[in-house]
N, C-alpha and C. Protein backbone atom coordinates (compact mmCIF):
# COMPACT_ATOMS: atom_id res chain seq x y z
N UNK A 1 33.04 -30.03 -65.72
CA UNK A 1 31.57 -31.10 -66.02
C UNK A 1 30.58 -31.05 -65.22
N UNK A 2 29.31 -32.32 -66.20
CA UNK A 2 28.93 -32.54 -65.61
C UNK A 2 28.34 -33.15 -63.62
N UNK A 3 27.56 -32.16 -63.56
CA UNK A 3 27.38 -32.33 -61.65
C UNK A 3 26.42 -33.97 -62.08
N UNK A 4 25.77 -34.75 -62.52
CA UNK A 4 26.48 -35.53 -62.27
C UNK A 4 27.24 -36.82 -62.97
N UNK A 5 27.99 -36.02 -62.81
CA UNK A 5 29.49 -37.28 -63.37
C UNK A 5 29.88 -36.82 -62.94
N UNK A 6 30.26 -35.47 -62.32
CA UNK A 6 31.14 -35.25 -60.00
C UNK A 6 31.22 -36.53 -59.69
N UNK A 7 29.91 -36.54 -59.78
CA UNK A 7 28.85 -37.73 -58.63
C UNK A 7 29.76 -39.16 -58.12
N UNK A 8 29.32 -39.21 -59.80
CA UNK A 8 30.08 -40.39 -60.41
C UNK A 8 31.18 -40.89 -60.35
N UNK A 9 32.03 -40.10 -60.05
CA UNK A 9 33.29 -40.32 -59.74
C UNK A 9 33.58 -39.62 -58.61
N UNK A 10 32.45 -39.56 -57.27
CA UNK A 10 33.34 -39.16 -56.14
C UNK A 10 32.71 -40.66 -55.36
N UNK A 11 31.77 -41.26 -56.35
CA UNK A 11 31.23 -42.19 -55.97
C UNK A 11 31.77 -43.66 -56.15
N UNK A 12 32.57 -44.04 -57.25
CA UNK A 12 32.95 -44.68 -57.33
C UNK A 12 35.01 -44.62 -58.03
N UNK A 13 35.66 -43.81 -57.08
CA UNK A 13 36.37 -43.41 -57.65
C UNK A 13 37.94 -44.50 -58.35
N UNK A 14 37.21 -45.14 -58.52
CA UNK A 14 38.46 -47.09 -58.69
C UNK A 14 38.54 -47.38 -59.63
N UNK A 15 37.35 -47.01 -60.53
CA UNK A 15 37.19 -47.46 -62.14
C UNK A 15 38.24 -47.27 -63.17
N UNK A 16 38.46 -48.69 -63.38
CA UNK A 16 39.74 -48.37 -63.64
C UNK A 16 39.09 -47.99 -65.50
N UNK A 17 40.49 -46.79 -66.51
CA UNK A 17 40.35 -46.23 -67.22
C UNK A 17 40.24 -46.98 -68.67
N UNK A 18 39.97 -46.82 -69.70
CA UNK A 18 40.06 -46.81 -71.03
C UNK A 18 41.00 -46.85 -71.80
N UNK A 19 41.36 -47.40 -72.83
CA UNK A 19 42.35 -46.54 -73.25
C UNK A 19 42.01 -47.09 -75.50
N UNK A 20 42.27 -46.58 -76.25
CA UNK A 20 41.95 -47.46 -77.26
C UNK A 20 40.81 -47.61 -77.77
N UNK A 21 39.89 -47.04 -77.58
CA UNK A 21 38.50 -47.18 -77.75
C UNK A 21 37.73 -45.76 -78.15
N UNK A 22 38.19 -44.30 -78.57
CA UNK A 22 38.00 -43.09 -79.05
C UNK A 22 39.16 -42.39 -79.40
N UNK A 23 38.41 -41.74 -80.71
CA UNK A 23 40.00 -40.80 -81.23
C UNK A 23 39.33 -38.95 -80.91
N UNK A 24 40.19 -38.42 -81.99
CA UNK A 24 39.62 -36.84 -82.07
C UNK A 24 40.17 -37.11 -83.17
N UNK A 25 39.84 -36.09 -84.59
CA UNK A 25 39.83 -36.40 -85.80
C UNK A 25 40.73 -34.61 -85.49
N UNK A 26 40.52 -34.47 -87.26
CA UNK A 26 41.57 -33.34 -87.59
C UNK A 26 40.32 -32.07 -87.52
N UNK A 27 39.27 -32.80 -87.13
CA UNK A 27 38.21 -31.99 -87.19
C UNK A 27 37.09 -31.47 -86.14
N UNK A 28 37.98 -32.05 -85.29
CA UNK A 28 37.30 -32.37 -84.44
C UNK A 28 35.86 -33.12 -84.14
N UNK A 29 35.50 -33.52 -84.66
CA UNK A 29 34.52 -34.97 -84.53
C UNK A 29 35.14 -36.24 -83.34
N UNK A 30 34.70 -36.60 -82.69
CA UNK A 30 34.73 -37.30 -81.96
C UNK A 30 34.12 -39.11 -82.90
N UNK A 31 35.18 -40.03 -82.73
CA UNK A 31 35.13 -40.95 -83.82
C UNK A 31 35.22 -41.89 -82.21
N UNK A 32 33.76 -43.11 -82.31
CA UNK A 32 34.11 -44.43 -81.41
C UNK A 32 34.47 -45.79 -82.80
N UNK A 33 36.09 -46.23 -81.79
CA UNK A 33 36.53 -46.85 -82.49
C UNK A 33 35.84 -48.86 -81.18
N UNK A 34 35.15 -49.39 -81.70
CA UNK A 34 34.52 -50.10 -81.06
C UNK A 34 34.98 -51.72 -81.19
N UNK A 35 36.38 -51.66 -82.30
CA UNK A 35 37.29 -53.43 -81.41
C UNK A 35 38.58 -52.14 -80.81
N UNK A 36 38.49 -51.72 -79.95
CA UNK A 36 39.22 -50.89 -79.47
C UNK A 36 41.33 -50.76 -80.00
N UNK A 37 40.92 -49.89 -81.01
CA UNK A 37 41.79 -50.51 -82.42
C UNK A 37 41.91 -48.79 -82.82
N UNK A 38 42.27 -48.10 -81.78
CA UNK A 38 42.64 -46.60 -81.79
C UNK A 38 43.90 -47.02 -82.31
N UNK A 39 44.36 -47.21 -81.07
CA UNK A 39 46.21 -47.70 -81.51
C UNK A 39 46.94 -47.85 -82.59
N UNK A 40 45.88 -48.60 -83.50
CA UNK A 40 46.46 -49.50 -84.96
C UNK A 40 45.87 -48.09 -85.81
N UNK A 41 45.86 -46.58 -85.20
CA UNK A 41 45.04 -45.77 -85.84
C UNK A 41 44.08 -45.91 -87.21
N UNK A 42 43.50 -46.43 -86.92
CA UNK A 42 41.75 -46.81 -87.81
C UNK A 42 40.94 -45.85 -88.03
N UNK A 43 39.82 -45.93 -88.73
CA UNK A 43 39.25 -44.12 -88.22
C UNK A 43 38.19 -44.27 -87.37
N UNK A 44 37.96 -45.49 -87.27
CA UNK A 44 37.01 -45.82 -85.83
C UNK A 44 35.38 -44.90 -86.90
N UNK A 45 34.88 -45.28 -85.95
CA UNK A 45 33.25 -44.99 -86.66
C UNK A 45 32.32 -43.69 -86.25
N UNK A 46 32.19 -42.54 -87.31
CA UNK A 46 31.69 -41.41 -86.12
C UNK A 46 30.40 -41.21 -85.83
N UNK A 47 30.32 -40.54 -84.55
CA UNK A 47 29.44 -40.33 -83.54
C UNK A 47 28.65 -38.56 -84.18
N UNK A 48 27.10 -38.69 -84.79
CA UNK A 48 26.79 -37.96 -84.57
C UNK A 48 25.85 -37.54 -83.86
N UNK A 49 25.49 -38.41 -82.56
CA UNK A 49 24.46 -37.67 -82.00
C UNK A 49 25.09 -36.82 -81.71
N UNK A 50 24.24 -35.66 -81.41
CA UNK A 50 24.19 -34.59 -80.46
C UNK A 50 24.21 -33.85 -79.26
N UNK A 51 23.23 -35.33 -79.55
CA UNK A 51 22.77 -34.60 -77.20
C UNK A 51 24.26 -35.95 -77.07
N UNK A 52 24.96 -36.69 -77.61
CA UNK A 52 26.01 -37.33 -77.39
C UNK A 52 27.33 -36.40 -77.14
N UNK A 53 27.55 -35.98 -78.37
CA UNK A 53 28.07 -35.04 -78.50
C UNK A 53 28.49 -33.42 -77.36
N UNK A 54 27.38 -33.22 -76.98
CA UNK A 54 27.28 -31.78 -75.92
C UNK A 54 27.69 -32.57 -74.65
N UNK A 55 26.78 -34.32 -74.38
CA UNK A 55 27.92 -35.10 -73.76
C UNK A 55 29.51 -35.21 -73.14
N UNK A 56 29.86 -35.15 -74.80
CA UNK A 56 31.39 -35.60 -74.78
C UNK A 56 32.12 -34.03 -74.54
N UNK A 57 31.80 -33.60 -75.24
CA UNK A 57 31.93 -32.09 -75.11
C UNK A 57 32.12 -31.01 -73.44
N UNK A 58 31.27 -31.41 -72.78
CA UNK A 58 30.87 -30.70 -71.56
C UNK A 58 32.27 -31.80 -70.59
N UNK A 59 32.04 -32.93 -71.17
CA UNK A 59 32.80 -33.56 -69.77
C UNK A 59 34.54 -34.16 -71.19
N UNK A 60 34.68 -33.09 -71.39
CA UNK A 60 36.15 -33.80 -71.90
C UNK A 60 37.35 -32.69 -71.61
N UNK A 61 38.44 -33.16 -70.97
CA UNK A 61 39.50 -32.94 -69.63
C UNK A 61 41.00 -33.61 -70.09
N UNK A 62 41.35 -33.43 -69.63
CA UNK A 62 42.41 -33.65 -69.27
C UNK A 62 43.12 -34.07 -67.89
N UNK A 63 44.62 -34.36 -67.72
CA UNK A 63 44.79 -35.32 -67.14
C UNK A 63 45.98 -34.51 -66.77
N UNK A 64 47.31 -34.48 -65.90
CA UNK A 64 48.72 -34.11 -65.27
C UNK A 64 49.67 -34.00 -66.34
N UNK A 65 49.25 -35.21 -66.81
CA UNK A 65 50.53 -36.37 -66.97
C UNK A 65 50.24 -35.84 -68.86
N UNK A 66 48.71 -34.86 -68.83
CA UNK A 66 48.64 -34.56 -70.32
C UNK A 66 47.73 -35.02 -71.13
N UNK A 67 47.54 -36.19 -70.47
CA UNK A 67 47.14 -37.26 -71.45
C UNK A 67 45.14 -36.30 -71.65
N UNK A 68 44.74 -36.64 -72.47
CA UNK A 68 43.11 -35.86 -72.82
C UNK A 68 41.77 -37.33 -73.04
N UNK A 69 41.17 -37.50 -72.11
CA UNK A 69 39.89 -38.28 -72.57
C UNK A 69 38.98 -37.50 -71.90
N UNK A 70 37.95 -38.30 -72.40
CA UNK A 70 36.10 -37.61 -72.11
C UNK A 70 35.68 -39.01 -70.47
N UNK A 71 34.62 -37.82 -69.90
CA UNK A 71 34.85 -38.63 -68.16
C UNK A 71 33.30 -38.95 -68.93
N UNK A 72 33.17 -40.85 -69.11
CA UNK A 72 32.09 -41.03 -68.98
C UNK A 72 31.57 -41.40 -67.74
N UNK A 73 31.23 -41.12 -67.19
CA UNK A 73 30.09 -41.27 -65.39
C UNK A 73 31.07 -41.29 -64.78
N UNK A 74 32.02 -42.40 -64.50
CA UNK A 74 33.23 -42.92 -63.35
C UNK A 74 34.35 -43.32 -64.31
N UNK A 75 34.02 -43.53 -65.63
CA UNK A 75 35.43 -44.12 -66.04
C UNK A 75 36.17 -43.40 -66.79
N UNK A 76 37.30 -42.70 -67.19
CA UNK A 76 37.87 -41.72 -68.09
C UNK A 76 37.66 -43.14 -69.42
N UNK A 77 37.91 -42.70 -70.59
CA UNK A 77 37.54 -42.75 -71.67
C UNK A 77 38.59 -42.23 -72.59
N UNK A 78 39.99 -42.18 -72.65
CA UNK A 78 41.75 -41.30 -73.10
C UNK A 78 41.09 -41.52 -74.88
N UNK A 79 41.95 -40.17 -75.47
CA UNK A 79 41.35 -39.85 -76.22
C UNK A 79 42.42 -40.16 -77.57
N UNK A 80 42.75 -40.95 -78.49
CA UNK A 80 44.33 -40.31 -78.79
C UNK A 80 43.43 -39.34 -79.82
N UNK A 81 44.81 -38.23 -80.32
CA UNK A 81 43.77 -37.15 -80.58
C UNK A 81 44.90 -36.99 -81.51
N UNK A 82 44.28 -37.11 -82.80
CA UNK A 82 44.48 -36.43 -84.62
C UNK A 82 45.71 -35.50 -84.51
N UNK A 83 45.38 -34.74 -84.37
CA UNK A 83 45.96 -32.55 -84.42
C UNK A 83 46.70 -32.14 -83.19
N UNK A 84 46.00 -31.95 -82.38
CA UNK A 84 45.16 -31.23 -80.75
C UNK A 84 44.66 -31.58 -80.77
N UNK A 85 44.28 -31.87 -78.61
CA UNK A 85 43.54 -31.93 -77.90
C UNK A 85 41.52 -31.16 -78.57
N UNK A 86 42.57 -29.79 -78.89
CA UNK A 86 41.85 -29.27 -79.16
C UNK A 86 41.44 -28.91 -80.70
N UNK A 87 40.12 -28.58 -81.12
CA UNK A 87 40.91 -27.96 -83.02
C UNK A 87 39.52 -26.52 -82.34
N UNK A 88 40.47 -26.18 -84.14
CA UNK A 88 40.18 -24.14 -83.27
C UNK A 88 39.69 -23.66 -84.84
N UNK A 89 38.62 -23.33 -84.41
CA UNK A 89 37.36 -22.91 -85.79
C UNK A 89 37.78 -21.20 -86.32
N UNK A 90 37.06 -20.67 -86.16
CA UNK A 90 37.14 -18.72 -86.71
C UNK A 90 35.58 -19.28 -85.67
N UNK A 91 35.36 -18.23 -84.95
CA UNK A 91 33.81 -17.97 -84.11
C UNK A 91 32.67 -16.85 -85.29
N UNK A 92 31.47 -16.94 -83.92
CA UNK A 92 30.55 -16.31 -85.74
C UNK A 92 30.41 -15.11 -84.39
N UNK A 93 30.82 -14.55 -83.94
CA UNK A 93 30.87 -13.15 -83.52
C UNK A 93 31.47 -13.97 -81.43
N UNK A 94 32.11 -12.15 -81.15
CA UNK A 94 32.41 -11.97 -79.78
C UNK A 94 34.54 -12.25 -80.20
N UNK A 95 33.87 -13.65 -80.15
CA UNK A 95 35.38 -14.17 -79.93
C UNK A 95 36.25 -14.53 -81.40
N UNK A 96 37.31 -14.60 -81.23
CA UNK A 96 38.13 -15.04 -82.08
C UNK A 96 38.22 -16.52 -82.67
N UNK A 97 38.45 -17.15 -82.07
CA UNK A 97 38.53 -18.31 -82.02
C UNK A 97 37.59 -19.47 -80.53
N UNK A 98 36.93 -19.83 -81.29
CA UNK A 98 36.69 -21.56 -80.72
C UNK A 98 37.01 -22.72 -80.67
N UNK A 99 36.92 -24.21 -79.74
CA UNK A 99 37.04 -24.73 -79.88
C UNK A 99 36.66 -26.06 -80.04
N UNK A 100 36.23 -26.73 -81.45
CA UNK A 100 35.39 -27.52 -80.87
C UNK A 100 34.13 -28.08 -79.76
N UNK A 101 34.56 -28.20 -78.88
CA UNK A 101 33.93 -28.59 -77.51
C UNK A 101 32.78 -27.77 -77.26
N UNK A 102 32.97 -25.99 -78.21
CA UNK A 102 31.87 -24.60 -78.06
C UNK A 102 32.58 -23.79 -77.02
N UNK A 103 33.80 -24.18 -76.44
CA UNK A 103 34.74 -23.06 -75.86
C UNK A 103 35.73 -22.24 -76.23
N UNK A 104 34.59 -21.07 -76.11
CA UNK A 104 35.98 -19.92 -76.94
C UNK A 104 37.22 -19.69 -75.74
N UNK A 105 38.32 -19.22 -77.17
CA UNK A 105 39.18 -18.94 -76.64
C UNK A 105 39.89 -17.28 -76.31
N UNK A 106 39.76 -17.89 -75.03
CA UNK A 106 40.21 -15.93 -74.93
C UNK A 106 41.42 -15.38 -74.74
N UNK A 107 42.55 -16.39 -74.85
CA UNK A 107 44.07 -15.87 -74.61
C UNK A 107 44.92 -16.70 -75.92
N UNK A 108 45.55 -16.00 -76.47
CA UNK A 108 46.80 -17.42 -77.10
C UNK A 108 48.08 -16.97 -76.89
N UNK A 109 48.36 -18.72 -75.81
CA UNK A 109 50.12 -17.51 -75.67
C UNK A 109 50.48 -18.29 -76.40
N UNK A 110 51.29 -18.73 -77.48
CA UNK A 110 51.55 -19.29 -78.30
C UNK A 110 51.25 -19.40 -79.61
N UNK A 111 51.99 -19.54 -80.53
CA UNK A 111 51.43 -20.26 -82.23
C UNK A 111 52.67 -21.15 -82.50
N UNK A 112 52.88 -22.68 -82.98
CA UNK A 112 53.48 -23.43 -83.79
C UNK A 112 53.36 -23.68 -85.08
N UNK A 113 54.20 -23.94 -85.60
CA UNK A 113 53.69 -24.01 -87.39
C UNK A 113 54.53 -25.28 -88.17
N UNK A 114 53.79 -26.40 -88.11
CA UNK A 114 54.89 -27.69 -88.32
C UNK A 114 55.25 -27.70 -89.75
N UNK A 115 55.31 -28.43 -90.25
CA UNK A 115 56.16 -29.06 -91.84
C UNK A 115 55.49 -29.64 -92.29
N UNK A 116 54.56 -30.05 -92.05
CA UNK A 116 53.21 -29.94 -93.08
C UNK A 116 51.91 -28.70 -93.23
N UNK A 117 52.36 -27.32 -92.71
CA UNK A 117 52.14 -26.82 -92.51
C UNK A 117 50.97 -26.16 -91.75
N UNK A 118 50.36 -26.89 -90.54
CA UNK A 118 49.77 -27.09 -89.72
C UNK A 118 49.75 -26.08 -89.10
N UNK A 119 48.91 -25.45 -88.08
CA UNK A 119 48.99 -24.50 -87.35
C UNK A 119 48.64 -24.33 -85.94
N UNK A 120 49.81 -24.47 -85.06
CA UNK A 120 49.05 -25.01 -83.79
C UNK A 120 48.03 -23.72 -82.81
N UNK A 121 48.02 -23.65 -81.15
CA UNK A 121 47.87 -22.46 -80.48
C UNK A 121 47.90 -22.95 -78.88
N UNK A 122 48.77 -22.37 -78.52
CA UNK A 122 48.38 -22.97 -76.88
C UNK A 122 48.05 -21.93 -76.68
N UNK A 123 46.55 -22.04 -75.99
CA UNK A 123 45.58 -21.96 -75.55
C UNK A 123 45.94 -21.69 -74.19
N UNK A 124 44.43 -20.71 -72.92
CA UNK A 124 44.13 -20.41 -72.06
C UNK A 124 43.45 -22.11 -72.20
N UNK A 125 42.77 -22.41 -73.04
CA UNK A 125 42.09 -23.87 -72.54
C UNK A 125 43.46 -24.63 -72.44
N UNK A 126 43.82 -24.52 -73.46
CA UNK A 126 44.87 -26.15 -73.71
C UNK A 126 45.14 -25.93 -74.84
N UNK A 127 45.86 -27.11 -75.27
CA UNK A 127 46.89 -27.18 -77.27
C UNK A 127 45.72 -26.93 -77.57
N UNK A 128 45.48 -26.39 -79.29
CA UNK A 128 44.77 -26.53 -80.44
C UNK A 128 45.79 -26.23 -81.61
N UNK A 129 45.27 -26.74 -82.48
CA UNK A 129 45.11 -26.65 -83.71
C UNK A 129 43.98 -26.66 -84.45
N UNK A 130 44.57 -25.35 -85.44
CA UNK A 130 43.67 -24.82 -86.99
C UNK A 130 42.50 -25.82 -87.55
N UNK A 131 41.17 -26.02 -87.39
CA UNK A 131 41.29 -26.36 -88.31
C UNK A 131 41.56 -26.22 -89.84
N UNK A 132 41.94 -26.79 -90.62
CA UNK A 132 42.10 -26.55 -92.30
C UNK A 132 40.85 -26.48 -92.67
N UNK A 133 39.67 -26.02 -92.86
CA UNK A 133 38.94 -25.31 -92.59
C UNK A 133 38.67 -23.43 -92.98
N UNK A 134 39.00 -23.12 -91.85
CA UNK A 134 40.10 -22.46 -90.96
C UNK A 134 40.85 -21.57 -91.71
N UNK A 135 42.36 -22.14 -91.72
CA UNK A 135 43.23 -22.07 -91.79
C UNK A 135 43.59 -20.79 -92.59
N UNK A 136 42.83 -20.54 -93.63
CA UNK A 136 43.25 -19.47 -94.57
C UNK A 136 42.77 -18.05 -93.99
N UNK A 137 41.97 -18.31 -93.48
CA UNK A 137 41.38 -17.38 -92.60
C UNK A 137 42.69 -16.31 -91.11
N UNK A 138 42.86 -17.38 -90.79
CA UNK A 138 44.06 -17.53 -89.29
C UNK A 138 45.11 -17.25 -90.03
N UNK A 139 45.60 -17.52 -91.25
CA UNK A 139 46.76 -17.09 -91.83
C UNK A 139 46.87 -15.27 -92.01
N UNK A 140 45.76 -15.43 -92.50
CA UNK A 140 44.71 -13.56 -92.99
C UNK A 140 45.23 -12.49 -91.75
N UNK A 141 44.61 -13.41 -90.32
CA UNK A 141 44.79 -12.71 -89.11
C UNK A 141 46.08 -12.74 -88.74
N UNK A 142 46.88 -13.50 -88.73
CA UNK A 142 48.75 -12.94 -88.63
C UNK A 142 49.09 -12.07 -89.42
N UNK A 143 49.67 -10.80 -88.01
CA UNK A 143 50.44 -10.22 -88.68
C UNK A 143 52.60 -10.16 -88.50
N UNK A 144 53.06 -9.50 -88.68
CA UNK A 144 54.00 -9.11 -87.47
C UNK A 144 53.78 -7.46 -87.10
N UNK A 145 54.47 -7.79 -85.83
CA UNK A 145 54.03 -6.23 -84.57
C UNK A 145 54.19 -5.14 -85.08
N UNK A 146 54.30 -5.21 -86.43
CA UNK A 146 54.30 -3.63 -87.70
C UNK A 146 52.49 -3.39 -88.19
N UNK A 147 52.05 -4.50 -88.35
CA UNK A 147 50.25 -4.72 -88.97
C UNK A 147 51.15 -5.06 -90.25
N UNK A 148 52.19 -5.78 -90.76
CA UNK A 148 52.34 -6.15 -92.05
C UNK A 148 51.99 -8.08 -91.84
N UNK A 149 51.70 -7.94 -93.49
CA UNK A 149 50.99 -9.60 -93.28
C UNK A 149 51.96 -9.75 -93.05
N UNK A 150 51.99 -11.78 -92.30
CA UNK A 150 53.04 -12.40 -91.86
C UNK A 150 53.68 -13.69 -92.86
N UNK A 151 52.54 -13.50 -93.72
CA UNK A 151 52.62 -15.22 -94.14
C UNK A 151 53.79 -15.64 -94.73
N UNK A 152 53.98 -14.37 -95.95
CA UNK A 152 55.70 -14.51 -96.42
C UNK A 152 56.46 -15.36 -95.14
N UNK A 153 57.20 -14.29 -94.29
CA UNK A 153 57.96 -14.34 -93.56
C UNK A 153 57.68 -15.91 -92.42
N UNK A 154 55.68 -16.56 -92.31
CA UNK A 154 55.58 -17.69 -91.83
C UNK A 154 56.38 -18.36 -92.70
N UNK A 155 55.93 -18.13 -93.71
CA UNK A 155 56.44 -19.36 -94.78
C UNK A 155 57.53 -20.37 -95.05
N UNK A 156 58.20 -18.87 -95.31
CA UNK A 156 59.59 -19.11 -95.10
C UNK A 156 60.42 -19.40 -93.80
N UNK A 157 60.19 -19.39 -92.41
CA UNK A 157 60.86 -20.69 -91.45
C UNK A 157 61.51 -21.72 -91.34
N UNK A 158 61.78 -22.08 -91.24
CA UNK A 158 62.80 -23.47 -90.93
C UNK A 158 62.79 -23.70 -89.30
N UNK A 159 62.38 -25.30 -89.11
CA UNK A 159 62.09 -25.67 -88.10
C UNK A 159 63.31 -24.86 -86.56
N UNK A 160 62.25 -24.89 -85.57
CA UNK A 160 63.33 -24.20 -84.72
C UNK A 160 63.33 -22.66 -84.81
N UNK A 161 63.29 -21.59 -85.67
CA UNK A 161 62.89 -20.58 -86.02
C UNK A 161 61.18 -19.86 -85.22
N UNK A 162 61.98 -18.94 -84.78
CA UNK A 162 60.65 -17.84 -83.91
C UNK A 162 60.48 -16.75 -84.43
N UNK A 163 59.48 -16.41 -84.65
CA UNK A 163 58.37 -14.75 -85.60
C UNK A 163 57.57 -14.81 -84.81
N UNK A 164 57.95 -13.01 -84.16
CA UNK A 164 56.70 -12.10 -83.64
C UNK A 164 55.82 -12.23 -84.32
N UNK A 165 54.28 -12.38 -83.93
CA UNK A 165 53.10 -12.20 -84.69
C UNK A 165 51.84 -11.56 -83.61
N UNK A 166 51.98 -10.71 -84.13
CA UNK A 166 49.88 -10.25 -83.59
C UNK A 166 49.39 -10.79 -84.21
N UNK A 167 48.47 -10.95 -83.38
CA UNK A 167 46.83 -12.25 -83.90
C UNK A 167 46.08 -11.75 -82.61
N UNK A 168 44.62 -11.20 -83.27
CA UNK A 168 43.80 -11.62 -81.77
C UNK A 168 44.34 -10.91 -80.55
N UNK A 169 44.34 -9.48 -80.62
CA UNK A 169 44.63 -8.39 -79.37
C UNK A 169 46.09 -8.73 -78.72
N UNK A 170 47.29 -9.83 -79.50
CA UNK A 170 48.25 -9.44 -78.43
C UNK A 170 49.21 -10.43 -79.65
N UNK A 171 50.54 -10.07 -79.10
CA UNK A 171 51.99 -10.35 -79.44
C UNK A 171 52.53 -12.04 -79.17
N UNK A 172 52.55 -12.65 -79.74
CA UNK A 172 52.76 -14.20 -79.12
C UNK A 172 54.32 -14.21 -80.26
N UNK A 173 55.10 -15.32 -79.79
CA UNK A 173 55.88 -15.53 -80.67
C UNK A 173 55.16 -17.11 -81.51
N UNK A 174 55.74 -17.25 -82.67
CA UNK A 174 55.05 -18.31 -83.47
C UNK A 174 57.06 -19.84 -83.99
N UNK A 175 56.19 -20.88 -83.75
CA UNK A 175 57.35 -21.34 -84.00
C UNK A 175 57.73 -22.18 -84.92
N UNK A 176 58.54 -22.67 -85.93
CA UNK A 176 58.30 -23.66 -86.29
C UNK A 176 58.67 -24.98 -85.93
N UNK A 177 58.29 -26.16 -85.70
CA UNK A 177 58.88 -27.35 -85.50
C UNK A 177 58.77 -28.68 -86.60
N UNK A 178 59.11 -29.98 -86.17
CA UNK A 178 58.45 -30.88 -87.16
C UNK A 178 57.20 -31.85 -85.89
N UNK A 179 56.75 -32.30 -87.71
CA UNK A 179 54.86 -32.80 -86.90
C UNK A 179 55.07 -32.93 -85.91
N UNK A 180 55.75 -34.16 -85.41
CA UNK A 180 56.51 -35.01 -84.62
C UNK A 180 56.47 -34.00 -83.11
N UNK A 181 57.15 -33.27 -83.18
CA UNK A 181 57.70 -32.76 -82.05
C UNK A 181 56.36 -31.85 -81.20
N UNK A 182 55.41 -31.82 -81.85
CA UNK A 182 54.35 -30.26 -81.75
C UNK A 182 54.14 -30.98 -80.11
N UNK A 183 53.41 -32.23 -80.60
CA UNK A 183 52.86 -33.42 -78.74
C UNK A 183 53.84 -32.44 -77.82
N UNK A 184 55.35 -32.72 -78.10
CA UNK A 184 55.90 -32.45 -76.43
C UNK A 184 56.20 -30.89 -75.99
N UNK A 185 56.11 -30.29 -77.79
CA UNK A 185 56.67 -28.69 -77.23
C UNK A 185 55.50 -28.19 -76.43
N UNK A 186 53.71 -28.98 -76.86
CA UNK A 186 52.77 -28.56 -76.48
C UNK A 186 52.05 -28.81 -75.37
N UNK A 187 52.99 -30.00 -75.15
CA UNK A 187 51.75 -31.07 -73.61
C UNK A 187 51.26 -31.63 -73.86
N UNK A 188 50.80 -32.39 -74.65
CA UNK A 188 50.68 -32.60 -74.79
C UNK A 188 50.78 -34.70 -74.99
N UNK A 189 49.68 -35.22 -74.69
CA UNK A 189 50.04 -37.07 -75.65
C UNK A 189 49.20 -37.51 -76.44
N UNK A 190 48.87 -37.71 -77.82
CA UNK A 190 49.26 -37.69 -78.94
C UNK A 190 48.30 -39.61 -79.21
N UNK A 191 48.90 -40.16 -78.24
CA UNK A 191 48.25 -41.61 -78.13
C UNK A 191 48.86 -42.30 -76.44
N UNK A 192 47.42 -41.77 -76.43
CA UNK A 192 47.58 -42.14 -74.77
C UNK A 192 47.59 -43.43 -74.40
N UNK A 193 47.99 -44.47 -73.72
CA UNK A 193 48.29 -46.02 -72.99
C UNK A 193 48.77 -45.54 -71.31
N UNK A 194 47.75 -46.17 -70.78
CA UNK A 194 47.87 -46.98 -69.48
C UNK A 194 48.65 -46.07 -68.63
N UNK A 195 49.58 -46.26 -67.53
CA UNK A 195 50.05 -45.26 -66.64
C UNK A 195 51.07 -44.69 -66.97
N UNK A 196 50.97 -43.21 -66.90
CA UNK A 196 52.81 -42.58 -68.03
C UNK A 196 53.28 -42.58 -66.54
N UNK A 197 53.01 -43.35 -65.14
CA UNK A 197 54.37 -44.33 -64.39
C UNK A 197 55.05 -44.04 -64.40
């Protein structure tokens, strides 16, 4: 997080958090909900200012309950997550994947496939979903441990079934799951609301 944000949190530690004002869509775009109605699954308004988006990306984090937020000075603005807390894209060079925040993914610990064909990864930075535009290239990169293509075997998986997958320098497990089970399985809250205690 930015030093001035950490300083603001230290100076004003008891500023109440807010909910319903911000969402992250399946393409990694933060969207503002000026009516506080993110909980109603409204689309919200696009945020396009690159300086604001950069500030948001640097100050995006999660709490111990798996709720993701943007730390706006001393105030946490919890985020409705439409896909996963991180939206993963193919990197231009150096790393296999990057998050929508611009941070490089160093490690993938597990893969998940939902019943709508969306692909997720448990990464060193947190739970992520592959952006739909990069999905074909990532599926092509997934192989069985012997190096043969994995797509046909992946497509045949039923909920609860697993398959060992090699990709991006490691071999991990891919698990098929219902879309509604993904947040709990990956350890995040899609719709944060109030104190989880």
